[in-house]
Structures are given as C-alpha cells and as structure tokens.
C-alpha cells in the first residue's frame, strides 16, 4: 500500500501543480487571494519545509510538529519541519533536509526526494516557503529539539483526507479582531494558515 502511494504521488508531482487555486481552499478569509508582486517575492526571506511521508503499519503517514511558544508570529503553531535558507545550503532540498534533521531528528540520508509543491508567500513573517516532498521507507526515529519543538504529530494521510476533519472557527488576529478561519482538526490540534494551505494543495493533488 505504501509503495503504491509513493509511486502515485511521484507521478503526480511530475505534472502540473494545482498551486494557488488549491492553496486558498484552506486560506483564512482575510488572506489576499492574489499572488504578491515580483518585488515582494524578490525581497522575501527564503525558507523550505519538508513534507515527509513514511509507513506506519504500511499506512502512509506524514510528520508535523507543534512549535514552542516564543515571541513571534508563528509561536505555538503546527507546522512542517523547516526553516530559513542558510548560506551553506546547496538548495531548497538541502535546507528542508537539514532543518528536519535538526528539529525532529530525521536522518536526512534515509529520505528520498519526490518533488516539490508550489511556493507559498507568508505575509506576516515575510517568508517565501518552498515545500519539498520526500519519503522514508521506514518510520524515522523522531527526536524533537526541545528548544524548538513541543510535540511531534504523526498523521495518517487518511485523517487529512477525511472531510470531517476540515472545520472552521473564529480566531482573534492582530488588533483583537476575530475572523473565521478554516483548519484541519488533527487529533484536537488546530492546523491552519500556511501549513493548512500547503496541505490543501497536497490533498488536491492526491485526488486528481
């Protein structure tokens, strides 16, 4: 089951990506639907995340992590392992693998890259994120970095595909204004914002 899932995903990633049209399916209503202009993208801080699949009892899973609380716009949020591109990184793939090893203990040498999802600009932090998709043939021996990671979430793909786990809620944003946002309910955790938008494109790709 896992091998066929990976082979199918590899094939789909080689075709045209659904991009913004799929991303906005899980975007907050207050987020602009259009792409930022070229100047904004040029000045954006570059980063990369790893969308890592692995088998658990032959069932495809992916890993998310809950960030620690800290002064910043992404404090306490659920995200993929990842972070800022460093000068020593060879490319986006290198960044994603390095960050995943540092944050959740994934052995980068056991990860095979399948492709990429569409880049996503995050206005609150000014990051342009490249999601890199990969897989491991066995469950990684996760070791969270206690300075960055509060909890590791191992999520069956089927859980994300279940429409019952796509919900909406009112959430306070800057200025104390409450806005309605879509989110994935992952075992009681709220996965919203950029991570939900990346997952939305991934799930759209899987059902095509």
N, C-alpha and C. Protein backbone atom coordinates (compact mmCIF):
# COMPACT_ATOMS: atom_id res chain seq x y z
N UNK A 1 0.82 -1.20 0.00
CA UNK A 1 0.00 0.00 0.00
C UNK A 1 0.87 1.27 0.00
N UNK A 2 1.90 1.26 0.85
CA UNK A 2 2.74 2.45 0.93
C UNK A 2 3.50 2.68 -0.37
N UNK A 3 4.05 1.62 -0.95
CA UNK A 3 4.81 1.76 -2.19
C UNK A 3 3.95 2.30 -3.32
N UNK A 4 2.73 1.81 -3.43
CA UNK A 4 1.84 2.29 -4.49
C UNK A 4 1.47 3.75 -4.27
N UNK A 5 1.29 4.14 -3.00
CA UNK A 5 1.00 5.54 -2.67
C UNK A 5 2.16 6.43 -3.11
N UNK A 6 3.38 6.03 -2.80
CA UNK A 6 4.55 6.83 -3.15
C UNK A 6 4.73 6.91 -4.66
N UNK A 7 4.55 5.81 -5.36
CA UNK A 7 4.69 5.81 -6.81
C UNK A 7 3.66 6.74 -7.47
N UNK A 8 2.44 6.72 -6.95
CA UNK A 8 1.39 7.58 -7.48
C UNK A 8 1.70 9.05 -7.19
N UNK A 9 2.17 9.33 -5.98
CA UNK A 9 2.50 10.71 -5.63
C UNK A 9 3.66 11.21 -6.45
N UNK A 10 4.66 10.38 -6.67
CA UNK A 10 5.80 10.78 -7.50
C UNK A 10 5.33 11.18 -8.90
N UNK A 11 4.45 10.38 -9.47
CA UNK A 11 3.94 10.67 -10.81
C UNK A 11 3.16 11.99 -10.83
N UNK A 12 2.34 12.22 -9.83
CA UNK A 12 1.53 13.43 -9.79
C UNK A 12 2.38 14.68 -9.62
N UNK A 13 3.46 14.57 -8.85
CA UNK A 13 4.33 15.72 -8.64
C UNK A 13 5.10 16.11 -9.90
N UNK A 14 5.20 15.20 -10.84
CA UNK A 14 5.89 15.49 -12.10
C UNK A 14 5.01 16.25 -13.08
N UNK A 15 3.72 16.32 -12.80
CA UNK A 15 2.80 17.05 -13.67
C UNK A 15 2.61 18.48 -13.21
N UNK A 16 1.59 19.11 -13.74
CA UNK A 16 1.28 20.49 -13.33
C UNK A 16 0.71 20.51 -11.92
N UNK A 17 1.16 21.45 -11.12
CA UNK A 17 0.68 21.58 -9.75
C UNK A 17 -0.58 22.44 -9.71
N UNK A 18 -1.51 22.15 -8.80
CA UNK A 18 -2.73 22.95 -8.71
C UNK A 18 -2.48 24.36 -8.18
N UNK A 19 -1.41 24.57 -7.39
CA UNK A 19 -0.99 25.91 -6.99
C UNK A 19 -1.97 26.68 -6.14
N UNK A 20 -2.02 27.99 -6.39
CA UNK A 20 -2.81 28.90 -5.56
C UNK A 20 -4.27 28.51 -5.49
N UNK A 21 -4.82 28.04 -6.58
CA UNK A 21 -6.24 27.67 -6.61
C UNK A 21 -6.55 26.62 -5.55
N UNK A 22 -5.63 25.69 -5.32
CA UNK A 22 -5.83 24.67 -4.30
C UNK A 22 -5.43 25.18 -2.92
N UNK A 23 -4.40 25.99 -2.85
CA UNK A 23 -3.95 26.52 -1.55
C UNK A 23 -5.03 27.32 -0.85
N UNK A 24 -5.73 28.16 -1.61
CA UNK A 24 -6.71 29.05 -0.98
C UNK A 24 -7.93 28.31 -0.45
N UNK A 25 -8.06 27.03 -0.77
CA UNK A 25 -9.15 26.25 -0.23
C UNK A 25 -9.11 26.17 1.29
N UNK A 26 -7.91 26.37 1.87
CA UNK A 26 -7.78 26.37 3.32
C UNK A 26 -7.14 27.67 3.81
N UNK A 27 -7.34 28.75 3.07
CA UNK A 27 -6.79 30.05 3.45
C UNK A 27 -7.79 30.83 4.28
N UNK A 28 -7.33 31.56 5.30
CA UNK A 28 -8.25 32.44 6.05
C UNK A 28 -8.89 33.46 5.12
N UNK A 29 -10.11 33.85 5.42
CA UNK A 29 -10.86 34.77 4.56
C UNK A 29 -10.15 36.10 4.40
N UNK A 30 -9.36 36.50 5.40
CA UNK A 30 -8.70 37.81 5.34
C UNK A 30 -7.40 37.77 4.54
N UNK A 31 -6.99 36.57 4.10
CA UNK A 31 -5.75 36.48 3.33
C UNK A 31 -6.03 36.80 1.86
N UNK A 32 -5.24 37.69 1.24
CA UNK A 32 -5.46 38.01 -0.18
C UNK A 32 -5.36 36.77 -1.05
N UNK A 33 -6.22 36.70 -2.05
CA UNK A 33 -6.24 35.54 -2.95
C UNK A 33 -5.24 35.65 -4.09
N UNK A 34 -4.70 36.85 -4.30
CA UNK A 34 -3.80 37.01 -5.44
C UNK A 34 -2.34 36.80 -5.00
N UNK A 35 -1.51 36.51 -5.97
CA UNK A 35 -0.09 36.35 -5.70
C UNK A 35 0.55 37.70 -5.40
N UNK A 36 1.56 37.75 -4.51
CA UNK A 36 2.27 39.00 -4.27
C UNK A 36 3.04 39.42 -5.52
N UNK A 37 3.38 40.70 -5.63
CA UNK A 37 4.08 41.17 -6.82
C UNK A 37 5.53 40.70 -6.82
N UNK A 38 6.18 40.87 -7.95
CA UNK A 38 7.54 40.36 -8.14
C UNK A 38 8.53 40.98 -7.15
N UNK A 39 8.35 42.27 -6.85
CA UNK A 39 9.26 42.94 -5.92
C UNK A 39 9.16 42.34 -4.52
N UNK A 40 7.94 42.04 -4.10
CA UNK A 40 7.74 41.43 -2.78
C UNK A 40 8.40 40.06 -2.71
N UNK A 41 8.23 39.26 -3.75
CA UNK A 41 8.82 37.93 -3.78
C UNK A 41 10.34 37.99 -3.80
N UNK A 42 10.88 38.98 -4.51
CA UNK A 42 12.34 39.13 -4.60
C UNK A 42 12.93 39.48 -3.23
N UNK A 43 12.21 40.27 -2.46
CA UNK A 43 12.72 40.71 -1.16
C UNK A 43 12.38 39.74 -0.03
N UNK A 44 11.54 38.75 -0.31
CA UNK A 44 11.11 37.82 0.73
C UNK A 44 12.27 36.99 1.26
N UNK A 45 12.16 36.63 2.52
CA UNK A 45 13.13 35.73 3.12
C UNK A 45 12.83 34.31 2.65
N UNK A 46 13.83 33.60 2.20
CA UNK A 46 13.63 32.28 1.60
C UNK A 46 13.70 31.19 2.68
N UNK A 47 12.77 30.25 2.58
CA UNK A 47 12.76 29.13 3.51
C UNK A 47 12.22 27.89 2.82
N UNK A 48 12.34 26.77 3.50
CA UNK A 48 11.90 25.50 2.94
C UNK A 48 11.40 24.60 4.06
N UNK A 49 10.40 23.78 3.76
CA UNK A 49 9.89 22.80 4.72
C UNK A 49 9.90 21.42 4.06
N UNK A 50 9.94 20.38 4.91
CA UNK A 50 9.92 19.01 4.42
C UNK A 50 8.57 18.37 4.69
N UNK A 51 7.90 17.97 3.61
CA UNK A 51 6.66 17.19 3.70
C UNK A 51 7.08 15.73 3.60
N UNK A 52 7.24 15.10 4.75
CA UNK A 52 7.85 13.77 4.79
C UNK A 52 6.82 12.68 5.03
N UNK A 53 6.77 11.72 4.10
CA UNK A 53 5.89 10.56 4.23
C UNK A 53 6.71 9.34 4.67
N UNK A 54 6.05 8.48 5.42
CA UNK A 54 6.69 7.23 5.85
C UNK A 54 5.58 6.24 6.21
N UNK A 55 5.90 4.94 6.22
CA UNK A 55 4.87 3.93 6.52
C UNK A 55 4.78 3.65 8.01
N UNK A 56 3.58 3.51 8.49
CA UNK A 56 3.32 3.04 9.85
C UNK A 56 2.26 1.96 9.70
N UNK A 57 2.66 0.71 9.91
CA UNK A 57 1.81 -0.44 9.62
C UNK A 57 1.32 -0.38 8.16
N UNK A 58 2.26 -0.02 7.28
CA UNK A 58 2.04 0.06 5.83
C UNK A 58 1.10 1.18 5.42
N UNK A 59 0.65 1.99 6.36
CA UNK A 59 -0.25 3.10 6.07
C UNK A 59 0.55 4.39 5.93
N UNK A 60 0.33 5.16 4.85
CA UNK A 60 1.09 6.41 4.67
C UNK A 60 0.79 7.42 5.77
N UNK A 61 1.83 7.90 6.40
CA UNK A 61 1.76 8.96 7.41
C UNK A 61 2.65 10.11 6.98
N UNK A 62 2.39 11.29 7.56
CA UNK A 62 3.35 12.39 7.44
C UNK A 62 3.55 13.01 8.81
N UNK A 63 4.65 13.74 8.95
CA UNK A 63 5.00 14.30 10.25
C UNK A 63 4.77 15.81 10.27
N UNK A 64 4.13 16.25 11.35
CA UNK A 64 4.00 17.67 11.66
C UNK A 64 4.58 17.89 13.05
N UNK A 65 4.81 19.14 13.40
CA UNK A 65 5.33 19.42 14.74
C UNK A 65 4.66 20.66 15.30
N UNK A 66 4.52 20.67 16.62
CA UNK A 66 3.99 21.84 17.31
C UNK A 66 5.17 22.64 17.83
N UNK A 67 5.26 23.89 17.41
CA UNK A 67 6.38 24.73 17.83
C UNK A 67 6.21 25.20 19.27
N UNK A 68 7.33 25.45 19.93
CA UNK A 68 7.29 26.02 21.27
C UNK A 68 6.73 27.43 21.23
N UNK A 69 6.32 27.92 22.37
CA UNK A 69 5.88 29.30 22.49
C UNK A 69 7.11 30.22 22.50
N UNK A 70 7.05 31.28 21.72
CA UNK A 70 8.16 32.24 21.66
C UNK A 70 7.63 33.56 21.13
N UNK A 71 8.36 34.66 21.30
CA UNK A 71 7.91 35.94 20.75
C UNK A 71 8.03 35.91 19.22
N UNK A 72 6.92 35.78 18.54
CA UNK A 72 6.94 35.70 17.08
C UNK A 72 5.59 35.31 16.53
N UNK A 73 5.41 35.52 15.23
CA UNK A 73 4.10 35.32 14.62
C UNK A 73 3.70 33.85 14.51
N UNK A 74 4.67 32.93 14.55
CA UNK A 74 4.33 31.52 14.40
C UNK A 74 4.46 30.74 15.70
N UNK A 75 4.47 31.46 16.82
CA UNK A 75 4.59 30.85 18.13
C UNK A 75 3.48 29.82 18.38
N UNK A 76 3.87 28.62 18.81
CA UNK A 76 2.91 27.60 19.19
C UNK A 76 2.14 26.96 18.07
N UNK A 77 2.44 27.30 16.83
CA UNK A 77 1.66 26.77 15.71
C UNK A 77 2.14 25.39 15.29
N UNK A 78 1.26 24.70 14.56
CA UNK A 78 1.60 23.40 13.97
C UNK A 78 2.20 23.66 12.59
N UNK A 79 3.32 23.00 12.30
CA UNK A 79 3.98 23.24 11.02
C UNK A 79 4.69 21.97 10.56
N UNK A 80 5.18 22.02 9.33
CA UNK A 80 6.13 21.02 8.87
C UNK A 80 7.51 21.37 9.42
N UNK A 81 8.40 20.39 9.56
CA UNK A 81 9.78 20.74 9.88
C UNK A 81 10.36 21.62 8.77
N UNK A 82 11.09 22.65 9.15
CA UNK A 82 11.66 23.52 8.14
C UNK A 82 12.09 24.84 8.70
N UNK A 83 12.68 25.66 7.85
CA UNK A 83 13.13 26.97 8.30
C UNK A 83 13.87 27.73 7.22
N UNK A 84 14.58 28.74 7.66
CA UNK A 84 15.25 29.68 6.77
C UNK A 84 16.38 29.02 5.98
N UNK A 85 16.53 29.44 4.72
CA UNK A 85 17.66 29.00 3.89
C UNK A 85 18.93 29.65 4.42
N UNK A 86 19.95 28.84 4.69
CA UNK A 86 21.25 29.33 5.14
C UNK A 86 22.21 29.39 3.97
N UNK A 87 23.23 30.24 4.11
CA UNK A 87 24.20 30.40 3.02
C UNK A 87 24.90 29.09 2.67
N UNK A 88 25.06 28.22 3.66
CA UNK A 88 25.76 26.95 3.44
C UNK A 88 24.89 25.90 2.74
N UNK A 89 23.58 26.16 2.64
CA UNK A 89 22.69 25.19 1.99
C UNK A 89 22.90 25.20 0.48
N UNK A 90 22.86 24.02 -0.12
CA UNK A 90 23.05 23.91 -1.56
C UNK A 90 21.82 24.36 -2.33
N UNK A 91 20.64 24.06 -1.80
CA UNK A 91 19.38 24.39 -2.47
C UNK A 91 18.24 24.22 -1.46
N UNK A 92 17.01 24.37 -1.95
CA UNK A 92 15.85 24.22 -1.07
C UNK A 92 15.77 22.81 -0.47
N UNK A 93 16.15 21.82 -1.25
CA UNK A 93 16.10 20.45 -0.74
C UNK A 93 17.06 20.28 0.44
N UNK A 94 18.24 20.85 0.29
CA UNK A 94 19.24 20.77 1.35
C UNK A 94 18.73 21.46 2.62
N UNK A 95 18.08 22.60 2.45
CA UNK A 95 17.51 23.31 3.60
C UNK A 95 16.48 22.46 4.32
N UNK A 96 15.55 21.88 3.56
CA UNK A 96 14.47 21.08 4.15
C UNK A 96 15.03 19.88 4.90
N UNK A 97 16.01 19.20 4.32
CA UNK A 97 16.60 18.03 4.96
C UNK A 97 17.38 18.41 6.22
N UNK A 98 18.13 19.49 6.13
CA UNK A 98 18.91 19.95 7.29
C UNK A 98 17.98 20.31 8.45
N UNK A 99 16.95 21.08 8.14
CA UNK A 99 16.03 21.53 9.18
C UNK A 99 15.28 20.36 9.81
N UNK A 100 14.86 19.39 8.99
CA UNK A 100 14.14 18.23 9.52
C UNK A 100 15.04 17.41 10.44
N UNK A 101 16.30 17.32 10.10
CA UNK A 101 17.23 16.59 10.97
C UNK A 101 17.45 17.35 12.28
N UNK A 102 17.58 18.66 12.18
CA UNK A 102 17.82 19.46 13.38
C UNK A 102 16.59 19.51 14.30
N UNK A 103 15.41 19.64 13.70
CA UNK A 103 14.21 19.88 14.51
C UNK A 103 13.57 18.62 15.04
N UNK A 104 13.50 17.57 14.21
CA UNK A 104 12.78 16.37 14.66
C UNK A 104 13.62 15.09 14.55
N UNK A 105 14.92 15.23 14.24
CA UNK A 105 15.82 14.08 14.28
C UNK A 105 15.75 13.15 13.10
N UNK A 106 15.16 13.58 11.98
CA UNK A 106 15.09 12.73 10.79
C UNK A 106 16.49 12.55 10.20
N UNK A 107 16.87 11.33 9.94
CA UNK A 107 18.15 11.06 9.26
C UNK A 107 18.01 11.43 7.79
N UNK A 108 18.65 12.51 7.39
CA UNK A 108 18.49 13.01 6.03
C UNK A 108 18.91 12.01 4.97
N UNK A 109 19.80 11.10 5.33
CA UNK A 109 20.30 10.13 4.37
C UNK A 109 19.30 9.00 4.11
N UNK A 110 18.24 8.96 4.91
CA UNK A 110 17.19 7.96 4.70
C UNK A 110 15.98 8.53 3.97
N UNK A 111 16.10 9.78 3.51
CA UNK A 111 14.98 10.46 2.85
C UNK A 111 15.25 10.57 1.36
N UNK A 112 14.28 10.15 0.57
CA UNK A 112 14.35 10.32 -0.89
C UNK A 112 13.38 11.42 -1.30
N UNK A 113 13.89 12.38 -2.06
CA UNK A 113 13.06 13.50 -2.51
C UNK A 113 12.19 13.08 -3.69
N UNK A 114 10.90 13.41 -3.61
CA UNK A 114 9.96 13.09 -4.68
C UNK A 114 9.70 14.29 -5.59
N UNK A 115 9.77 15.48 -5.05
CA UNK A 115 9.46 16.68 -5.84
C UNK A 115 9.12 17.84 -4.92
N UNK A 116 8.40 18.79 -5.45
CA UNK A 116 8.06 20.00 -4.72
C UNK A 116 6.60 20.36 -4.93
N UNK A 117 6.02 21.01 -3.92
CA UNK A 117 4.73 21.66 -4.08
C UNK A 117 4.97 23.11 -4.48
N UNK A 118 3.93 23.87 -4.68
CA UNK A 118 4.07 25.27 -5.08
C UNK A 118 4.60 26.11 -3.93
N UNK A 119 5.43 27.09 -4.25
CA UNK A 119 5.91 28.02 -3.23
C UNK A 119 4.74 28.81 -2.66
N UNK A 120 4.90 29.24 -1.42
CA UNK A 120 3.83 29.98 -0.73
C UNK A 120 4.44 31.15 0.03
N UNK A 121 3.94 32.35 -0.24
CA UNK A 121 4.41 33.54 0.47
C UNK A 121 3.56 33.73 1.73
N UNK A 122 4.24 34.00 2.86
CA UNK A 122 3.55 34.18 4.14
C UNK A 122 3.69 35.64 4.57
N UNK A 123 2.66 36.46 4.38
CA UNK A 123 2.76 37.90 4.66
C UNK A 123 3.18 38.26 6.09
N UNK A 124 2.65 37.62 7.15
CA UNK A 124 3.02 38.07 8.50
C UNK A 124 4.51 37.99 8.81
N UNK A 125 5.19 36.98 8.24
CA UNK A 125 6.61 36.81 8.53
C UNK A 125 7.52 37.21 7.38
N UNK A 126 6.93 37.42 6.20
CA UNK A 126 7.72 37.81 5.04
C UNK A 126 8.55 36.68 4.45
N UNK A 127 8.17 35.43 4.73
CA UNK A 127 8.89 34.28 4.18
C UNK A 127 8.24 33.78 2.90
N UNK A 128 9.06 33.37 1.95
CA UNK A 128 8.61 32.64 0.78
C UNK A 128 9.04 31.19 1.00
N UNK A 129 8.07 30.30 1.15
CA UNK A 129 8.35 28.92 1.57
C UNK A 129 8.25 27.97 0.38
N UNK A 130 9.28 27.13 0.24
CA UNK A 130 9.26 26.06 -0.75
C UNK A 130 9.00 24.73 -0.05
N UNK A 131 7.82 24.13 -0.22
CA UNK A 131 7.59 22.80 0.35
C UNK A 131 8.27 21.73 -0.51
N UNK A 132 9.10 20.92 0.13
CA UNK A 132 9.82 19.83 -0.53
C UNK A 132 9.20 18.52 -0.06
N UNK A 133 8.84 17.65 -0.99
CA UNK A 133 8.16 16.40 -0.66
C UNK A 133 9.15 15.25 -0.74
N UNK A 134 9.18 14.44 0.32
CA UNK A 134 10.07 13.29 0.33
C UNK A 134 9.45 12.15 1.09
N UNK A 135 10.18 11.01 1.13
CA UNK A 135 9.67 9.87 1.89
C UNK A 135 10.83 9.06 2.46
N UNK A 136 10.50 8.34 3.51
CA UNK A 136 11.42 7.38 4.11
C UNK A 136 10.75 6.02 4.04
N UNK A 137 11.54 4.98 3.79
CA UNK A 137 10.95 3.64 3.66
C UNK A 137 10.64 3.01 5.01
N UNK A 138 11.06 3.66 6.07
CA UNK A 138 10.71 3.21 7.41
C UNK A 138 10.41 4.41 8.29
N UNK A 139 9.68 4.17 9.37
CA UNK A 139 9.36 5.27 10.29
C UNK A 139 10.65 5.83 10.88
N UNK A 140 10.86 7.15 10.76
CA UNK A 140 12.05 7.74 11.36
C UNK A 140 12.03 7.62 12.88
N UNK A 141 13.20 7.59 13.46
CA UNK A 141 13.32 7.61 14.91
C UNK A 141 13.33 9.07 15.35
N UNK A 142 12.14 9.61 15.54
CA UNK A 142 12.00 11.04 15.80
C UNK A 142 12.61 11.44 17.14
N UNK A 143 13.40 12.51 17.10
CA UNK A 143 13.99 13.08 18.31
C UNK A 143 13.78 14.59 18.23
N UNK A 144 12.76 15.12 18.91
CA UNK A 144 12.48 16.55 18.81
C UNK A 144 13.54 17.40 19.50
N UNK A 145 13.86 18.54 18.90
CA UNK A 145 14.74 19.52 19.51
C UNK A 145 13.93 20.27 20.57
N UNK A 146 14.25 20.10 21.86
CA UNK A 146 13.41 20.70 22.90
C UNK A 146 13.40 22.23 22.87
N UNK A 147 14.38 22.84 22.23
CA UNK A 147 14.41 24.30 22.16
C UNK A 147 13.43 24.85 21.14
N UNK A 148 12.99 24.00 20.20
CA UNK A 148 12.11 24.45 19.13
C UNK A 148 10.79 23.72 19.06
N UNK A 149 10.78 22.46 19.47
CA UNK A 149 9.62 21.60 19.22
C UNK A 149 8.99 21.15 20.54
N UNK A 150 7.70 21.41 20.66
CA UNK A 150 6.97 20.99 21.85
C UNK A 150 6.42 19.58 21.69
N UNK A 151 6.00 19.24 20.47
CA UNK A 151 5.35 17.95 20.26
C UNK A 151 5.46 17.55 18.79
N UNK A 152 5.62 16.26 18.55
CA UNK A 152 5.62 15.71 17.19
C UNK A 152 4.28 15.04 16.93
N UNK A 153 3.69 15.31 15.78
CA UNK A 153 2.42 14.71 15.39
C UNK A 153 2.64 13.78 14.21
N UNK A 154 2.25 12.53 14.37
CA UNK A 154 2.33 11.55 13.29
C UNK A 154 0.92 11.36 12.74
N UNK A 155 0.71 11.81 11.51
CA UNK A 155 -0.65 11.96 10.99
C UNK A 155 -0.90 11.03 9.80
N UNK A 156 -1.87 10.14 9.88
CA UNK A 156 -2.23 9.33 8.71
C UNK A 156 -2.77 10.24 7.60
N UNK A 157 -2.38 9.98 6.38
CA UNK A 157 -2.89 10.76 5.26
C UNK A 157 -4.41 10.67 5.20
N UNK A 158 -4.95 9.49 5.53
CA UNK A 158 -6.40 9.30 5.51
C UNK A 158 -7.12 10.23 6.48
N UNK A 159 -6.47 10.60 7.57
CA UNK A 159 -7.07 11.52 8.54
C UNK A 159 -7.27 12.89 7.90
N UNK A 160 -6.29 13.34 7.13
CA UNK A 160 -6.38 14.63 6.46
C UNK A 160 -7.37 14.60 5.31
N UNK A 161 -7.53 13.45 4.68
CA UNK A 161 -8.46 13.31 3.56
C UNK A 161 -9.91 13.25 4.01
N UNK A 162 -10.14 12.96 5.28
CA UNK A 162 -11.50 12.85 5.82
C UNK A 162 -12.10 14.25 5.96
N UNK A 163 -13.15 14.53 5.20
CA UNK A 163 -13.78 15.85 5.21
C UNK A 163 -14.25 16.26 6.61
N UNK A 164 -14.53 15.30 7.47
CA UNK A 164 -15.00 15.61 8.82
C UNK A 164 -13.93 16.33 9.64
N UNK A 165 -12.68 16.23 9.22
CA UNK A 165 -11.59 16.87 9.95
C UNK A 165 -11.22 18.24 9.38
N UNK A 166 -12.00 18.73 8.42
CA UNK A 166 -11.86 20.11 7.93
C UNK A 166 -12.95 20.94 8.60
N UNK A 167 -12.54 21.91 9.38
CA UNK A 167 -13.51 22.67 10.16
C UNK A 167 -13.24 24.17 10.05
N UNK A 168 -14.06 24.97 10.70
CA UNK A 168 -13.88 26.42 10.73
C UNK A 168 -14.09 26.91 12.16
N UNK A 169 -13.40 28.00 12.48
CA UNK A 169 -13.54 28.56 13.82
C UNK A 169 -13.25 30.05 13.78
N UNK A 170 -13.77 30.77 14.77
CA UNK A 170 -13.42 32.18 14.94
C UNK A 170 -12.13 32.26 15.73
N UNK A 171 -11.20 33.08 15.23
CA UNK A 171 -9.91 33.21 15.89
C UNK A 171 -9.53 34.68 15.97
N UNK A 172 -9.03 35.14 17.13
CA UNK A 172 -8.57 36.52 17.21
C UNK A 172 -7.26 36.71 16.45
N UNK A 173 -7.16 37.78 15.67
CA UNK A 173 -5.93 38.09 14.95
C UNK A 173 -5.43 39.43 15.47
N UNK A 174 -4.46 40.02 14.78
CA UNK A 174 -3.89 41.28 15.23
C UNK A 174 -4.97 42.34 15.41
N UNK A 175 -4.85 43.09 16.50
CA UNK A 175 -5.83 44.11 16.80
C UNK A 175 -7.03 43.59 17.56
N UNK A 176 -7.04 42.29 17.88
CA UNK A 176 -8.13 41.71 18.65
C UNK A 176 -9.37 41.40 17.83
N UNK A 177 -9.31 41.62 16.53
CA UNK A 177 -10.45 41.32 15.66
C UNK A 177 -10.56 39.81 15.48
N UNK A 178 -11.77 39.29 15.55
CA UNK A 178 -11.99 37.86 15.37
C UNK A 178 -12.40 37.58 13.93
N UNK A 179 -11.76 36.61 13.32
CA UNK A 179 -12.05 36.24 11.95
C UNK A 179 -12.29 34.74 11.87
N UNK A 180 -13.11 34.35 10.88
CA UNK A 180 -13.39 32.94 10.66
C UNK A 180 -12.27 32.33 9.82
N UNK A 181 -11.71 31.23 10.30
CA UNK A 181 -10.63 30.58 9.55
C UNK A 181 -10.94 29.10 9.36
N UNK A 182 -10.53 28.54 8.22
CA UNK A 182 -10.62 27.09 8.04
C UNK A 182 -9.40 26.43 8.66
N UNK A 183 -9.56 25.20 9.13
CA UNK A 183 -8.42 24.49 9.71
C UNK A 183 -8.64 22.98 9.64
N UNK A 184 -7.56 22.25 9.76
CA UNK A 184 -7.62 20.80 9.91
C UNK A 184 -7.59 20.48 11.40
N UNK A 185 -8.53 19.67 11.85
CA UNK A 185 -8.52 19.17 13.22
C UNK A 185 -7.69 17.89 13.23
N UNK A 186 -6.49 17.98 13.78
CA UNK A 186 -5.58 16.83 13.82
C UNK A 186 -5.47 16.36 15.27
N UNK A 187 -6.33 15.43 15.62
CA UNK A 187 -6.34 14.87 16.97
C UNK A 187 -6.42 15.97 18.03
N UNK A 188 -7.31 16.93 17.77
CA UNK A 188 -7.51 18.02 18.71
C UNK A 188 -6.61 19.22 18.52
N UNK A 189 -5.65 19.13 17.63
CA UNK A 189 -4.77 20.25 17.32
C UNK A 189 -5.32 21.02 16.12
N UNK A 190 -5.18 22.33 16.16
CA UNK A 190 -5.66 23.20 15.07
C UNK A 190 -4.53 23.49 14.11
N UNK A 191 -4.65 22.97 12.88
CA UNK A 191 -3.64 23.19 11.84
C UNK A 191 -4.23 24.17 10.83
N UNK A 192 -3.71 25.39 10.83
CA UNK A 192 -4.29 26.44 10.00
C UNK A 192 -3.18 27.24 9.31
N UNK A 193 -3.58 28.29 8.61
CA UNK A 193 -2.61 29.18 7.99
C UNK A 193 -1.82 28.52 6.88
N UNK A 194 -0.53 28.84 6.81
CA UNK A 194 0.32 28.38 5.70
C UNK A 194 0.38 26.85 5.63
N UNK A 195 0.49 26.19 6.79
CA UNK A 195 0.57 24.73 6.79
C UNK A 195 -0.70 24.11 6.22
N UNK A 196 -1.85 24.64 6.61
CA UNK A 196 -3.12 24.14 6.07
C UNK A 196 -3.21 24.38 4.57
N UNK A 197 -2.69 25.51 4.11
CA UNK A 197 -2.73 25.82 2.68
C UNK A 197 -1.84 24.86 1.89
N UNK A 198 -0.67 24.51 2.44
CA UNK A 198 0.20 23.53 1.77
C UNK A 198 -0.47 22.17 1.74
N UNK A 199 -1.07 21.79 2.86
CA UNK A 199 -1.79 20.51 2.90
C UNK A 199 -2.95 20.49 1.91
N UNK A 200 -3.61 21.62 1.74
CA UNK A 200 -4.72 21.70 0.81
C UNK A 200 -4.27 21.41 -0.62
N UNK A 201 -3.12 21.97 -0.99
CA UNK A 201 -2.60 21.67 -2.34
C UNK A 201 -2.23 20.21 -2.46
N UNK A 202 -1.57 19.67 -1.43
CA UNK A 202 -1.17 18.27 -1.46
C UNK A 202 -2.39 17.36 -1.62
N UNK A 203 -3.43 17.59 -0.84
CA UNK A 203 -4.62 16.73 -0.90
C UNK A 203 -5.35 16.87 -2.22
N UNK A 204 -5.33 18.09 -2.77
CA UNK A 204 -5.93 18.31 -4.09
C UNK A 204 -5.19 17.49 -5.14
N UNK A 205 -3.85 17.47 -5.01
CA UNK A 205 -3.02 16.72 -5.95
C UNK A 205 -3.30 15.22 -5.83
N UNK A 206 -3.49 14.73 -4.62
CA UNK A 206 -3.70 13.31 -4.40
C UNK A 206 -5.03 12.81 -4.96
N UNK A 207 -6.02 13.69 -5.04
CA UNK A 207 -7.33 13.23 -5.50
C UNK A 207 -7.54 13.43 -6.98
N UNK A 208 -6.60 14.09 -7.66
CA UNK A 208 -6.77 14.35 -9.11
C UNK A 208 -6.73 13.06 -9.90
